[in-house]
Amino acid sequence: MPIYEYFCDTCDKKFETLVLGGEVPVCPECGTQDIRRLMSACGFISKGSGGETVSMSAGDSGCGPCTSSNCSSCGI
């Protein structure tokens, strides 16, 4: 079941909500449907070369403005 992040253009609040099927979410603060879905940073877990678990999310890296698909400065 997907949980999405939204921003309300009416009251300037950011919130997350569970969205089922064709449901249209509303702002929990003001009740309006004048909202925008935000791009969420996804997290992932992978195994390092030694088998150790490496946990990282896109929000944790220093690659915010980076557009490269192979970055030597942060290792992503």
C-alpha atoms as a PDB file:
ATOM      1  CA  MET A   1       0.000   0.000   0.000  1.00  0.00           C
ATOM      2  CA  PRO A   2       1.627   3.225  -1.133  1.00  0.00           C
ATOM      3  CA  ILE A   3       2.278   6.094   1.238  1.00  0.00           C
ATOM      4  CA  TYR A   4       2.843   9.350  -0.631  1.00  0.00           C
ATOM      5  CA  GLU A   5       4.152  12.758   0.425  1.00  0.00           C
ATOM      6  CA  TYR A   6       2.083  15.822  -0.457  1.00  0.00           C
ATOM      7  CA  PHE A   7       2.298  19.602  -0.133  1.00  0.00           C
ATOM      8  CA  CYS A   8      -0.842  21.673   0.427  1.00  0.00           C
ATOM      9  CA  ASP A   9      -0.926  24.851  -1.664  1.00  0.00           C
ATOM     10  CA  THR A  10      -3.653  26.323   0.542  1.00  0.00           C
ATOM     11  CA  CYS A  11      -2.079  26.065   4.017  1.00  0.00           C
ATOM     12  CA  ASP A  12       1.594  25.348   3.037  1.00  0.00           C
ATOM     13  CA  LYS A  13       1.743  22.082   5.013  1.00  0.00           C
ATOM     14  CA  LYS A  14       3.723  18.983   4.009  1.00  0.00           C
ATOM     15  CA  PHE A  15       2.179  15.623   4.928  1.00  0.00           C
ATOM     16  CA  GLU A  16       2.203  11.888   4.158  1.00  0.00           C
ATOM     17  CA  THR A  17      -0.871   9.780   3.578  1.00  0.00           C
ATOM     18  CA  LEU A  18      -1.809   6.262   2.555  1.00  0.00           C
ATOM     19  CA  VAL A  19      -3.600   6.249  -0.815  1.00  0.00           C
ATOM     20  CA  LEU A  20      -5.819   3.313  -1.758  1.00  0.00           C
ATOM     21  CA  GLY A  21      -7.028   2.720  -5.329  1.00  0.00           C
ATOM     22  CA  GLY A  22      -8.526   5.788  -6.998  1.00  0.00           C
ATOM     23  CA  GLU A  23      -8.833   7.669  -3.695  1.00  0.00           C
ATOM     24  CA  VAL A  24      -8.208  11.426  -3.908  1.00  0.00           C
ATOM     25  CA  PRO A  25      -6.316  12.563  -0.784  1.00  0.00           C
ATOM     26  CA  VAL A  26      -7.136  15.721   1.149  1.00  0.00           C
ATOM     27  CA  CYS A  27      -4.975  17.894   3.390  1.00  0.00           C
ATOM     28  CA  PRO A  28      -5.368  16.807   7.032  1.00  0.00           C
ATOM     29  CA  GLU A  29      -4.904  20.437   8.197  1.00  0.00           C
ATOM     30  CA  CYS A  30      -7.450  22.305   6.077  1.00  0.00           C
ATOM     31  CA  GLY A  31      -9.342  19.569   4.179  1.00  0.00           C
ATOM     32  CA  THR A  32      -8.656  20.919   0.681  1.00  0.00           C
ATOM     33  CA  GLN A  33      -7.754  18.842  -2.375  1.00  0.00           C
ATOM     34  CA  ASP A  34      -5.482  21.663  -3.601  1.00  0.00           C
ATOM     35  CA  ILE A  35      -2.384  19.522  -3.018  1.00  0.00           C
ATOM     36  CA  ARG A  36       0.652  18.390  -4.989  1.00  0.00           C
ATOM     37  CA  ARG A  37       2.366  15.016  -4.706  1.00  0.00           C
ATOM     38  CA  LEU A  38       6.062  15.374  -3.898  1.00  0.00           C
ATOM     39  CA  MET A  39       8.967  13.302  -5.141  1.00  0.00           C
ATOM     40  CA  SER A  40      10.104  11.219  -2.194  1.00  0.00           C
ATOM     41  CA  ALA A  41      13.684  10.164  -1.529  1.00  0.00           C
ATOM     42  CA  CYS A  42      13.699   6.395  -1.452  1.00  0.00           C
ATOM     43  CA  GLY A  43      15.854   4.378   0.882  1.00  0.00           C
ATOM     44  CA  PHE A  44      17.601   1.155   0.064  1.00  0.00           C
ATOM     45  CA  ILE A  45      19.783  -1.471   1.685  1.00  0.00           C
ATOM     46  CA  SER A  46      22.568  -3.214  -0.168  1.00  0.00           C
ATOM     47  CA  LYS A  47      25.483  -5.464   0.652  1.00  0.00           C
ATOM     48  CA  GLY A  48      28.999  -4.029   0.539  1.00  0.00           C
ATOM     49  CA  SER A  49      31.920  -5.845  -1.037  1.00  0.00           C
ATOM     50  CA  GLY A  50      32.724  -7.523   2.305  1.00  0.00           C
ATOM     51  CA  GLY A  51      29.136  -8.680   2.831  1.00  0.00           C
ATOM     52  CA  GLU A  52      28.327  -5.971   5.381  1.00  0.00           C
ATOM     53  CA  THR A  53      24.956  -4.228   5.165  1.00  0.00           C
ATOM     54  CA  VAL A  54      25.176  -0.704   3.782  1.00  0.00           C
ATOM     55  CA  SER A  55      22.140   1.459   4.415  1.00  0.00           C
ATOM     56  CA  MET A  56      21.699   4.768   2.647  1.00  0.00           C
ATOM     57  CA  SER A  57      19.018   7.005   1.207  1.00  0.00           C
ATOM     58  CA  ALA A  58      19.206   9.599  -1.538  1.00  0.00           C
ATOM     59  CA  GLY A  59      18.532  12.291   1.057  1.00  0.00           C
ATOM     60  CA  ASP A  60      21.616  11.233   3.050  1.00  0.00           C
ATOM     61  CA  SER A  61      24.085  11.663   0.214  1.00  0.00           C
ATOM     62  CA  GLY A  62      25.795  14.877  -0.834  1.00  0.00           C
ATOM     63  CA  CYS A  63      24.500  14.389  -4.377  1.00  0.00           C
ATOM     64  CA  GLY A  64      21.468  16.669  -4.215  1.00  0.00           C
ATOM     65  CA  PRO A  65      22.417  18.749  -7.273  1.00  0.00           C
ATOM     66  CA  CYS A  66      24.440  15.965  -8.925  1.00  0.00           C
ATOM     67  CA  THR A  67      23.034  14.619 -12.200  1.00  0.00           C
ATOM     68  CA  SER A  68      25.729  12.029 -12.868  1.00  0.00           C
ATOM     69  CA  SER A  69      24.790   8.364 -12.858  1.00  0.00           C
ATOM     70  CA  ASN A  70      28.270   7.369 -11.682  1.00  0.00           C
ATOM     71  CA  CYS A  71      29.612   9.705  -8.998  1.00  0.00           C
ATOM     72  CA  SER A  72      33.145   9.133  -7.743  1.00  0.00           C
ATOM     73  CA  SER A  73      32.866  11.736  -4.970  1.00  0.00           C
ATOM     74  CA  CYS A  74      30.130   9.937  -3.014  1.00  0.00           C
ATOM     75  CA  GLY A  75      30.345   6.395  -4.350  1.00  0.00           C
ATOM     76  CA  ILE A  76      26.780   6.147  -5.646  1.00  0.00           C
END
